[in-house]
Protein backbone atom coordinates (compact mmCIF):
# COMPACT_ATOMS: atom_id res chain seq x y z
CA MET A 1 89.30 -5.12 167.55
CA PHE A 2 91.04 -6.35 170.71
CA GLN A 3 88.32 -4.59 172.82
CA TYR A 4 85.38 -5.68 170.76
CA GLY A 5 84.57 -8.59 168.45
CA MET A 6 87.79 -10.49 168.71
CA HIS A 7 87.91 -13.82 170.62
CA VAL A 8 91.37 -13.78 172.19
CA ASP A 9 92.69 -14.49 175.64
CA PRO A 10 96.01 -13.09 176.72
CA GLN A 11 96.28 -16.04 179.21
CA ASP A 12 95.69 -18.69 176.53
CA LEU A 13 97.92 -17.37 173.53
CA ARG A 14 98.20 -20.91 171.96
CA ASN A 15 94.46 -21.67 171.81
CA PRO A 16 94.00 -22.92 168.21
CA GLU A 17 90.51 -21.55 168.11
CA ARG A 18 91.52 -17.96 168.96
CA ASP A 19 90.86 -15.24 166.33
CA ARG A 20 93.89 -14.00 164.62
CA PHE A 21 94.87 -10.21 163.90
CA VAL A 22 97.35 -9.14 161.35
CA LEU A 23 98.48 -5.43 161.45
CA SER A 24 99.37 -5.05 157.80
CA LYS A 25 100.16 -1.25 158.25
CA GLY A 26 103.00 -2.21 160.63
CA HIS A 27 103.97 1.39 161.12
CA ALA A 28 100.90 1.75 163.38
CA ALA A 29 102.29 -0.70 165.75
CA VAL A 30 102.24 1.60 168.78
CA CYS A 31 98.51 1.83 168.53
CA MET A 32 98.25 -2.01 168.61
CA TYR A 33 100.60 -2.22 171.56
CA ILE A 34 98.50 0.06 173.62
CA THR A 35 95.33 -1.61 172.63
CA MET A 36 96.59 -5.03 173.62
CA ALA A 37 98.03 -3.66 176.90
CA ILE A 38 94.41 -2.36 177.69
CA ARG A 39 93.21 -5.94 177.02
CA GLY A 40 95.97 -7.44 179.21
CA PHE A 41 98.54 -8.67 176.71
CA PHE A 42 101.42 -6.23 177.51
CA ASP A 43 102.42 -3.71 180.31
CA TYR A 44 101.40 -0.21 179.42
CA ARG A 45 104.21 1.41 181.34
CA GLU A 46 106.72 -0.65 179.62
CA ILE A 47 105.54 0.52 176.25
CA VAL A 48 105.68 4.24 177.34
CA ASP A 49 109.11 3.88 178.92
CA THR A 50 110.76 1.95 176.11
CA TYR A 51 108.92 2.37 172.71
CA GLY A 52 111.28 2.63 169.82
CA GLN A 53 114.43 2.40 171.90
CA LEU A 54 117.36 0.05 170.99
CA GLY A 55 116.67 -3.38 172.41
CA SER A 56 112.98 -2.55 173.30
CA ALA A 57 110.46 -5.37 172.47
CA TYR A 58 108.19 -2.54 171.40
CA GLY A 59 109.71 -1.57 168.05
CA MET A 60 108.23 0.84 165.43
CA HIS A 61 107.11 -2.29 163.65
CA PRO A 62 105.67 -5.32 165.53
CA CYS A 63 107.79 -8.39 165.98
CA LYS A 64 106.14 -11.72 166.97
CA VAL A 65 109.55 -13.07 168.22
CA GLN A 66 109.77 -10.27 170.88
CA LEU A 67 106.01 -10.14 171.65
CA PRO A 68 103.99 -13.25 172.23
CA GLY A 69 100.42 -12.51 171.24
CA VAL A 70 101.52 -10.74 168.04
CA GLU A 71 100.64 -13.16 165.33
CA VAL A 72 102.93 -11.74 162.52
CA SER A 73 105.90 -9.54 162.14
CA THR A 74 104.86 -6.78 159.65
CA GLY A 75 106.21 -3.57 158.12
CA SER A 76 106.59 -4.29 154.44
CA LEU A 77 103.23 -3.09 153.04
CA GLY A 78 101.07 -5.25 150.95
CA HIS A 79 101.85 -8.38 152.87
CA GLY A 80 99.03 -8.42 155.56
CA LEU A 81 96.17 -9.68 153.37
CA PRO A 82 98.12 -12.54 151.77
CA LEU A 83 99.33 -13.60 155.25
CA ALA A 84 95.77 -13.37 156.63
CA THR A 85 94.53 -15.21 153.63
CA GLY A 86 96.81 -18.08 154.41
CA MET A 87 95.68 -18.21 158.04
CA ALA A 88 92.09 -18.16 157.04
CA LEU A 89 92.57 -20.82 154.45
CA HIS A 90 94.14 -23.15 157.19
CA GLY A 91 91.44 -22.43 159.56
CA LYS A 92 88.76 -23.27 157.00
CA ARG A 93 90.35 -26.46 155.92
CA SER A 94 90.84 -27.52 159.53
CA GLY A 95 87.28 -26.88 160.35
CA MET A 96 88.04 -24.20 163.02
CA ASP A 97 85.53 -21.74 163.94
CA HIS A 98 87.51 -18.50 164.23
CA ARG A 99 88.04 -15.39 162.25
CA VAL A 100 91.26 -13.77 160.85
CA PHE A 101 91.31 -10.05 160.83
CA THR A 102 93.64 -7.73 159.06
CA LEU A 103 94.00 -3.94 159.11
CA MET A 104 95.35 -2.33 156.05
CA GLY A 105 96.05 1.24 154.82
CA ASP A 106 94.34 2.26 151.53
CA GLY A 107 97.68 3.18 150.03
CA GLU A 108 99.10 -0.35 150.24
CA THR A 109 96.14 -1.61 148.26
CA GLY A 110 98.01 -0.31 145.18
CA GLU A 111 100.25 -3.53 145.51
CA GLY A 112 99.48 -6.45 143.35
CA SER A 113 99.94 -8.87 146.15
CA VAL A 114 96.71 -7.46 147.72
CA TRP A 115 94.58 -8.16 144.83
CA GLU A 116 96.08 -11.70 144.26
CA ALA A 117 95.17 -12.41 147.85
CA ALA A 118 91.73 -10.94 147.26
CA LEU A 119 91.07 -13.25 144.42
CA ALA A 120 92.44 -16.17 146.38
CA ALA A 121 90.12 -15.50 149.39
CA HIS A 122 87.09 -15.24 147.19
CA SER A 123 87.94 -18.46 145.20
CA ASN A 124 88.55 -20.34 148.44
CA ASN A 125 85.31 -19.19 150.06
CA LEU A 126 87.03 -17.66 153.04
CA GLY A 127 84.13 -16.13 154.92
CA ASN A 128 86.22 -16.25 158.16
CA LEU A 129 88.45 -13.47 156.62
CA VAL A 130 87.69 -9.83 157.48
CA ALA A 131 89.83 -6.95 156.16
CA PHE A 132 89.54 -3.50 157.57
CA ILE A 133 90.83 -0.60 155.50
CA ASP A 134 91.99 2.76 156.66
CA ARG A 135 90.55 4.70 153.62
CA ASN A 136 92.31 8.07 154.49
CA ARG A 137 93.38 8.79 150.78
CA GLN A 138 96.96 9.87 151.71
CA LEU A 139 100.19 8.25 150.95
CA MET A 140 103.48 9.28 152.46
CA THR A 141 104.28 12.13 150.08
CA SER A 142 101.05 12.68 148.08
CA PHE A 143 97.38 11.94 148.13
CA SER A 144 96.36 8.50 146.68
CA GLU A 145 94.21 9.55 143.83
CA GLU A 146 97.09 11.63 142.43
CA ARG A 147 99.38 8.50 142.03
CA VAL A 148 97.05 5.48 142.20
CA LYS A 149 93.54 5.67 141.01
CA LEU A 150 91.74 3.60 143.56
CA GLU A 151 88.12 4.76 143.00
CA PRO A 152 85.66 3.49 142.55
CA TYR A 153 87.08 1.74 145.58
CA PRO A 154 84.18 -0.26 147.04
CA ASP A 155 83.29 -1.47 143.63
CA LYS A 156 86.69 -2.96 142.99
CA TRP A 157 86.31 -5.17 146.02
CA ARG A 158 82.76 -6.07 145.08
CA ALA A 159 84.12 -7.06 141.57
CA PHE A 160 86.56 -9.43 143.32
CA GLY A 161 83.63 -11.07 145.02
CA TRP A 162 83.96 -9.57 148.51
CA ASN A 163 81.09 -8.45 150.87
CA VAL A 164 81.73 -4.81 151.36
CA ILE A 165 80.80 -2.67 154.47
CA GLU A 166 81.32 1.08 154.28
CA VAL A 167 81.54 3.00 157.55
CA ASP A 168 82.71 6.23 159.04
CA GLY A 169 86.05 5.12 160.50
CA HIS A 170 85.71 7.75 163.30
CA ASP A 171 82.35 6.57 164.48
CA MET A 172 82.75 3.95 167.13
CA ALA A 173 79.02 3.01 167.05
CA ALA A 174 79.27 2.46 163.20
CA LEU A 175 82.43 0.28 163.73
CA VAL A 176 80.63 -1.83 166.40
CA GLN A 177 77.65 -2.19 164.15
CA ALA A 178 79.99 -3.44 161.25
CA PHE A 179 81.29 -6.04 163.60
CA ASP A 180 77.80 -7.15 164.72
CA SER A 181 76.71 -7.47 161.01
CA LEU A 182 79.79 -9.66 160.02
CA PRO A 183 78.55 -12.95 158.34
CA ALA A 184 79.39 -16.09 160.32
CA PRO A 185 82.91 -17.45 160.11
CA ASP A 186 81.64 -20.58 158.35
CA SER A 187 80.15 -18.49 155.51
CA ASP A 188 81.54 -18.49 152.00
CA VAL A 189 82.34 -14.76 151.25
CA PRO A 190 85.16 -12.73 152.65
CA THR A 191 84.36 -9.17 154.09
CA VAL A 192 86.04 -5.92 153.68
CA VAL A 193 85.15 -3.10 156.02
CA ILE A 194 86.10 0.23 154.23
CA CYS A 195 86.62 2.93 156.95
CA ASP A 196 86.28 6.48 155.57
CA THR A 197 88.81 8.41 157.68
CA VAL A 198 90.82 11.67 157.98
CA LYS A 199 94.46 11.67 158.83
CA GLY A 200 94.99 13.88 161.90
CA LYS A 201 91.30 14.02 162.70
CA GLY A 202 90.49 16.59 165.12
CA VAL A 203 93.83 18.31 165.24
CA ASP A 204 93.58 21.51 163.02
CA PHE A 205 97.19 21.73 161.92
CA MET A 206 97.48 17.93 161.18
CA GLU A 207 94.33 17.17 159.32
CA ARG A 208 95.04 16.16 155.73
CA ASN A 209 98.58 17.58 156.13
CA LEU A 210 101.05 15.35 154.36
CA ALA A 211 103.96 16.83 156.48
CA TRP A 212 102.55 14.92 159.46
CA HIS A 213 102.69 11.40 157.93
CA ALA A 214 105.85 10.72 159.72
CA GLY A 215 106.07 13.88 161.88
CA SER A 216 107.04 13.99 165.63
CA LEU A 217 105.49 16.12 168.34
CA ASN A 218 107.56 18.36 170.42
CA ASP A 219 106.21 19.95 173.65
CA THR A 220 104.75 22.97 171.75
CA ASP A 221 103.06 20.80 169.14
CA LEU A 222 101.55 18.52 171.86
CA ALA A 223 100.11 21.56 173.59
CA ARG A 224 98.59 22.80 170.30
CA ALA A 225 97.26 19.38 169.53
CA LEU A 226 95.45 18.96 172.88
CA ALA A 227 94.15 22.45 172.67
CA SER A 228 92.67 21.60 169.23
CA LEU A 229 91.17 18.47 170.38
CA ALA A 230 89.60 20.15 173.51
CA HIS A 231 88.12 22.86 171.29
CA GLY A 232 86.65 20.24 168.94
CA ARG A 233 84.98 18.48 171.87
CA LYS A 234 83.45 21.66 173.19
CA ALA A 235 82.19 22.66 169.72
CA ALA A 236 80.49 19.21 169.26
């Protein structure tokens, strides 16, 4: 989102008209750090050298106190959409022409706070709110439909009054098209983009493997993963 679609400027962090981004699935912080570094917010080398270390600004969950440009400190799942809804409501009532984006995991949408926020967003006509959902169907120790019955997933969001876009979350062209088809920020209906994904996509020993939800690569694993990705590219 920081590379396409969001109106943000790392040199103007306090601009009230900037788009906002809330990483609800805060455990994916390292991906956000690197994306923001590419856009010019952070130093990539510093992320690589210090990530996850004691005293580093680049913790395993994002902290807005440590990192100007990060809108919200996140980590406890189910909070991103309520926070984004509040931001979008403020923007709407203030007559501002910006969007608020949030990225959620599908597992956290089992939280009641998510659906309370979904109701509030619809009832307050928050067309400036856009939620992206990583629909990978996996939780930390199980698959989502084994514990929480989310299907029919898109229909649940439609029932809460949201505009629903469904895409292949691994298809960059489809994601760009989803951005391009978003309603105007001053519209009255919030949008959810449900991204169908596979955890560990392209790495044969990681795909849909629950053991890798919180796994760490050693040198041997890294070599295997790179070889698997290279093989997949050749096959394509």
